[in-house]
Amino acid sequence: MTPNSHTLPAYAWLAVLASVSTAGCLCPPCPGAGVAPPAATAAAPSAAAPVASASAAAGSRLVIWDGDGESVGAGAKGWDSCDQKPACQTKLGPDSGSGVNGSTSLKFHGEGPGWLGMGWNLFGWYPETAGVDISPYSHLTFQIRVDAKSAEAAPEYLGLSLGCSDKTKKDSADMAIEKYAKAFADGKWHKIEIPISALIKGAGAQFGLDSFWEFRLHTWTGTPKNFDIYIDEIAVEKH
């Protein structure tokens, strides 16, 4: 896959070329910045990856991904990467039994210094026009739990951004998880509720709310970290 060159600082290219994950997706190693969306793969059509459209008429809550049963992202696939290999490593995937109430969660392991990030594409990057319209809703919500080897090994900063599939490919604004859960790294489950209006402010002004297709997390630190992040019950809600 080819990253958007304008989103990557010059120093990152060598790191990026050395840090392609098994999913083959790339992202820029910088704190607080939106992650560049990977290019769509040339995968064969999949019945689990339809073009989706969310509507307020569907109710006050739409489940995007929960790892159990049916959801918009039933055909989701992900990528993970870091910018200081071999001193860093990442791994992403569904994890049975570790979710809320013993369900399946999305587990992201991050280890080492520098930029560590992941993305969960709801449609497995196919078709390129796939997306879900979240504009009728007021909040993006999800459950998060962060386990670290020690307090010092926990992420100091954890950011979230969303990717869209419309022709602009503009990311949402980058949101600091700490703003919505001060003690997000205490090993407990926290329900995060981010106003959708906040995602389209500033750098996210051109984000396509009608074509949300990737959920992303990233952290950055100058010192080595070692942690697991569990995500569950990603949804949009109308409050």
Protein backbone atom coordinates (compact mmCIF):
# COMPACT_ATOMS: atom_id res chain seq x y z
CA MET A 1 0.00 0.00 0.00
CA THR A 2 1.13 3.50 -0.68
CA PRO A 3 0.95 6.11 2.09
CA ASN A 4 -0.02 9.70 1.41
CA SER A 5 3.37 11.36 1.10
CA HIS A 6 2.17 14.73 2.30
CA THR A 7 1.18 13.25 5.66
CA LEU A 8 4.61 11.79 6.44
CA PRO A 9 7.58 13.83 7.67
CA ALA A 10 10.79 13.12 5.78
CA TYR A 11 12.42 11.23 8.66
CA ALA A 12 9.55 8.77 8.85
CA TRP A 13 9.96 7.16 5.45
CA LEU A 14 12.76 4.83 6.47
CA ALA A 15 10.81 3.85 9.59
CA VAL A 16 7.66 3.30 7.58
CA LEU A 17 9.37 1.11 5.01
CA ALA A 18 10.71 -1.03 7.84
CA SER A 19 7.49 -1.15 9.81
CA VAL A 20 4.81 -2.48 7.52
CA SER A 21 2.49 -4.68 9.54
CA THR A 22 1.12 -8.00 8.37
CA ALA A 23 -1.87 -6.08 7.04
CA GLY A 24 0.49 -3.93 4.97
CA CYS A 25 -0.86 -0.60 6.22
CA LEU A 26 1.11 2.46 7.11
CA CYS A 27 0.72 5.50 9.28
CA PRO A 28 2.82 8.53 10.34
CA PRO A 29 4.92 8.34 13.52
CA CYS A 30 3.93 11.57 15.18
CA PRO A 31 2.04 12.29 18.41
CA GLY A 32 -1.27 14.06 18.20
CA ALA A 33 -1.53 13.78 14.41
CA GLY A 34 -4.22 12.04 12.37
CA VAL A 35 -3.18 8.70 10.94
CA ALA A 36 -2.98 8.48 7.16
CA PRO A 37 -5.53 5.98 5.83
CA PRO A 38 -4.08 2.96 4.05
CA ALA A 39 -4.92 2.59 0.39
CA ALA A 40 -7.67 0.12 -0.43
CA THR A 41 -6.47 -3.41 -1.14
CA ALA A 42 -7.26 -5.32 -4.25
CA ALA A 43 -9.12 -7.95 -2.27
CA ALA A 44 -11.87 -10.01 -3.78
CA PRO A 45 -15.45 -8.98 -3.00
CA SER A 46 -16.68 -10.20 0.36
CA ALA A 47 -20.22 -10.72 1.55
CA ALA A 48 -19.09 -9.48 4.97
CA ALA A 49 -18.02 -6.09 3.61
CA PRO A 50 -21.04 -4.36 2.08
CA VAL A 51 -21.50 -0.65 1.59
CA ALA A 52 -23.32 0.38 4.75
CA SER A 53 -25.55 3.30 5.59
CA ALA A 54 -26.58 4.25 9.08
CA SER A 55 -29.83 6.06 9.60
CA ALA A 56 -31.33 7.76 12.62
CA ALA A 57 -34.45 5.81 11.78
CA ALA A 58 -32.57 2.67 12.82
CA GLY A 59 -32.73 3.80 16.44
CA SER A 60 -30.81 5.78 19.02
CA ARG A 61 -27.76 3.46 18.90
CA LEU A 62 -25.91 1.73 16.07
CA VAL A 63 -23.33 -0.93 16.90
CA ILE A 64 -20.24 -0.41 14.74
CA TRP A 65 -18.16 -3.33 16.12
CA ASP A 66 -18.42 -5.45 19.25
CA GLY A 67 -16.70 -8.70 18.31
CA ASP A 68 -19.84 -10.71 19.00
CA GLY A 69 -22.83 -11.23 16.75
CA GLU A 70 -23.80 -8.92 13.92
CA SER A 71 -22.53 -5.37 13.56
CA VAL A 72 -21.62 -2.92 10.81
CA GLY A 73 -18.00 -4.02 11.07
CA ALA A 74 -18.52 -7.78 10.97
CA GLY A 75 -15.94 -8.00 8.16
CA ALA A 76 -13.36 -5.73 9.83
CA LYS A 77 -9.61 -6.17 9.41
CA GLY A 78 -6.78 -4.23 10.98
CA TRP A 79 -3.21 -3.01 10.81
CA ASP A 80 -0.66 -2.18 13.49
CA SER A 81 2.74 -0.51 13.34
CA CYS A 82 5.45 1.38 15.22
CA ASP A 83 8.30 3.64 14.14
CA GLN A 84 11.37 2.40 16.04
CA LYS A 85 11.73 -1.25 15.07
CA PRO A 86 13.33 -3.48 16.25
CA ALA A 87 13.10 -1.66 19.58
CA CYS A 88 9.30 -1.55 19.31
CA GLN A 89 6.59 -4.06 18.42
CA THR A 90 2.82 -4.07 18.00
CA LYS A 91 0.09 -6.65 17.50
CA LEU A 92 -3.64 -6.25 16.85
CA GLY A 93 -6.56 -8.66 16.63
CA PRO A 94 -9.79 -9.95 18.19
CA ASP A 95 -9.28 -11.54 21.60
CA SER A 96 -11.89 -13.98 22.87
CA GLY A 97 -13.02 -13.65 26.48
CA SER A 98 -11.27 -10.37 27.27
CA GLY A 99 -14.13 -8.03 26.39
CA VAL A 100 -16.88 -6.48 28.46
CA ASN A 101 -18.72 -9.25 30.34
CA GLY A 102 -16.37 -11.88 28.91
CA SER A 103 -17.12 -11.11 25.28
CA THR A 104 -14.61 -10.79 22.43
CA SER A 105 -12.63 -7.56 22.39
CA LEU A 106 -10.17 -5.95 20.01
CA LYS A 107 -6.71 -6.24 21.60
CA PHE A 108 -3.80 -3.98 20.73
CA HIS A 109 -0.38 -4.74 22.22
CA GLY A 110 2.23 -2.00 22.16
CA GLU A 111 5.80 -2.31 23.34
CA GLY A 112 8.82 -0.01 23.13
CA PRO A 113 9.48 3.71 22.63
CA GLY A 114 8.27 6.08 19.93
CA TRP A 115 5.03 6.02 17.97
CA LEU A 116 2.78 2.95 18.35
CA GLY A 117 -0.49 2.78 16.45
CA MET A 118 -3.33 0.68 15.03
CA GLY A 119 -6.33 0.89 12.76
CA TRP A 120 -9.46 -1.26 12.53
CA ASN A 121 -11.03 -1.01 9.09
CA LEU A 122 -14.72 -1.90 9.32
CA PHE A 123 -14.88 -3.26 5.77
CA GLY A 124 -11.45 -4.81 5.31
CA TRP A 125 -10.65 -2.00 2.82
CA TYR A 126 -13.14 -3.36 0.28
CA PRO A 127 -14.91 -1.91 -1.55
CA GLU A 128 -13.14 1.45 -1.60
CA THR A 129 -16.49 3.23 -1.30
CA ALA A 130 -17.61 1.31 1.79
CA GLY A 131 -18.56 3.41 4.79
CA VAL A 132 -21.17 4.08 7.41
CA ASP A 133 -23.03 7.36 7.76
CA ILE A 134 -22.70 8.52 11.36
CA SER A 135 -24.05 12.03 10.75
CA PRO A 136 -27.50 11.29 12.28
CA TYR A 137 -25.87 10.51 15.64
CA SER A 138 -24.46 12.76 18.35
CA HIS A 139 -21.71 10.65 19.98
CA LEU A 140 -19.09 8.05 19.15
CA THR A 141 -18.93 5.63 22.08
CA PHE A 142 -16.75 2.64 22.96
CA GLN A 143 -15.40 0.70 25.92
CA ILE A 144 -11.67 0.77 26.62
CA ARG A 145 -9.40 -0.97 29.12
CA VAL A 146 -5.63 -0.42 29.35
CA ASP A 147 -3.40 -2.96 31.11
CA ALA A 148 0.27 -2.09 31.57
CA LYS A 149 3.22 -3.95 33.08
CA SER A 150 3.57 -1.05 35.54
CA ALA A 151 2.35 2.52 35.96
CA GLU A 152 5.48 3.71 34.16
CA ALA A 153 4.84 1.32 31.26
CA ALA A 154 1.33 2.69 30.57
CA PRO A 155 0.71 5.12 27.69
CA GLU A 156 1.14 8.74 28.75
CA TYR A 157 -0.86 9.92 25.76
CA LEU A 158 -3.47 7.97 23.82
CA GLY A 159 -5.12 9.54 20.81
CA LEU A 160 -8.07 8.52 18.66
CA SER A 161 -8.96 9.48 15.12
CA LEU A 162 -11.33 8.16 12.47
CA GLY A 163 -10.74 7.58 8.78
CA CYS A 164 -13.29 7.98 6.00
CA SER A 165 -13.59 6.57 2.48
CA ASP A 166 -14.99 9.59 0.63
CA LYS A 167 -12.97 11.20 -2.17
CA THR A 168 -11.19 13.64 0.16
CA LYS A 169 -9.83 10.85 2.44
CA LYS A 170 -9.57 13.48 5.20
CA ASP A 171 -9.19 12.19 8.77
CA SER A 172 -11.21 13.35 11.73
CA ALA A 173 -9.67 15.55 14.40
CA ASP A 174 -7.33 13.76 16.82
CA MET A 175 -8.95 13.26 20.23
CA ALA A 176 -7.07 12.69 23.50
CA ILE A 177 -8.69 9.80 25.39
CA GLU A 178 -7.66 11.37 28.70
CA LYS A 179 -10.10 14.20 28.04
CA TYR A 180 -12.97 11.73 28.31
CA ALA A 181 -11.52 9.38 30.96
CA LYS A 182 -8.85 10.84 33.24
CA ALA A 183 -7.83 7.43 34.59
CA PHE A 184 -8.05 5.58 31.27
CA ALA A 185 -4.88 3.54 32.04
CA ASP A 186 -5.99 2.14 35.42
CA GLY A 187 -6.76 -1.37 34.16
CA LYS A 188 -10.54 -0.91 34.38
CA TRP A 189 -13.19 -0.61 31.68
CA HIS A 190 -14.20 2.93 30.79
CA LYS A 191 -17.00 3.97 28.47
CA ILE A 192 -15.75 6.81 26.27
CA GLU A 193 -18.33 9.19 24.77
CA ILE A 194 -16.94 11.62 22.21
CA PRO A 195 -19.25 14.22 20.64
CA ILE A 196 -19.26 13.68 16.90
CA SER A 197 -19.23 17.46 16.49
CA ALA A 198 -15.75 17.48 18.10
CA LEU A 199 -14.43 15.07 15.45
CA ILE A 200 -15.08 17.58 12.66
CA LYS A 201 -13.47 20.63 14.25
CA GLY A 202 -10.11 22.08 13.28
CA ALA A 203 -8.03 19.57 11.35
CA GLY A 204 -11.10 17.33 11.07
CA ALA A 205 -13.30 19.90 9.34
CA GLN A 206 -13.33 17.96 6.05
CA PHE A 207 -13.85 14.51 7.57
CA GLY A 208 -16.65 12.66 5.76
CA LEU A 209 -19.21 11.77 8.42
CA ASP A 210 -21.18 9.85 5.81
CA SER A 211 -18.32 7.44 5.05
CA PHE A 212 -16.67 6.44 8.35
CA TRP A 213 -14.70 3.25 7.79
CA GLU A 214 -11.69 3.09 10.11
CA PHE A 215 -11.19 3.39 13.89
CA ARG A 216 -7.63 4.32 14.95
CA LEU A 217 -5.62 4.64 18.16
CA HIS A 218 -2.05 5.84 18.61
CA THR A 219 0.37 6.75 21.34
CA TRP A 220 3.83 8.26 21.48
CA THR A 221 6.54 8.45 24.11
CA GLY A 222 10.29 8.94 24.31
CA THR A 223 10.63 6.11 26.84
CA PRO A 224 9.78 2.40 26.38
CA LYS A 225 6.24 1.31 27.19
CA ASN A 226 4.60 -2.11 27.49
CA PHE A 227 0.81 -2.31 27.47
CA ASP A 228 -2.33 -3.96 26.15
CA ILE A 229 -5.35 -1.94 25.07
CA TYR A 230 -8.74 -3.66 24.84
CA ILE A 231 -11.56 -2.08 22.83
CA ASP A 232 -15.17 -3.25 22.81
CA GLU A 233 -18.68 -2.07 21.91
CA ILE A 234 -17.74 0.59 19.35
CA ALA A 235 -20.99 2.37 18.51
CA VAL A 236 -22.62 5.67 17.64
CA GLU A 237 -25.44 6.99 19.77
CA LYS A 238 -28.05 9.70 19.51
CA HIS A 239 -28.42 11.43 22.87
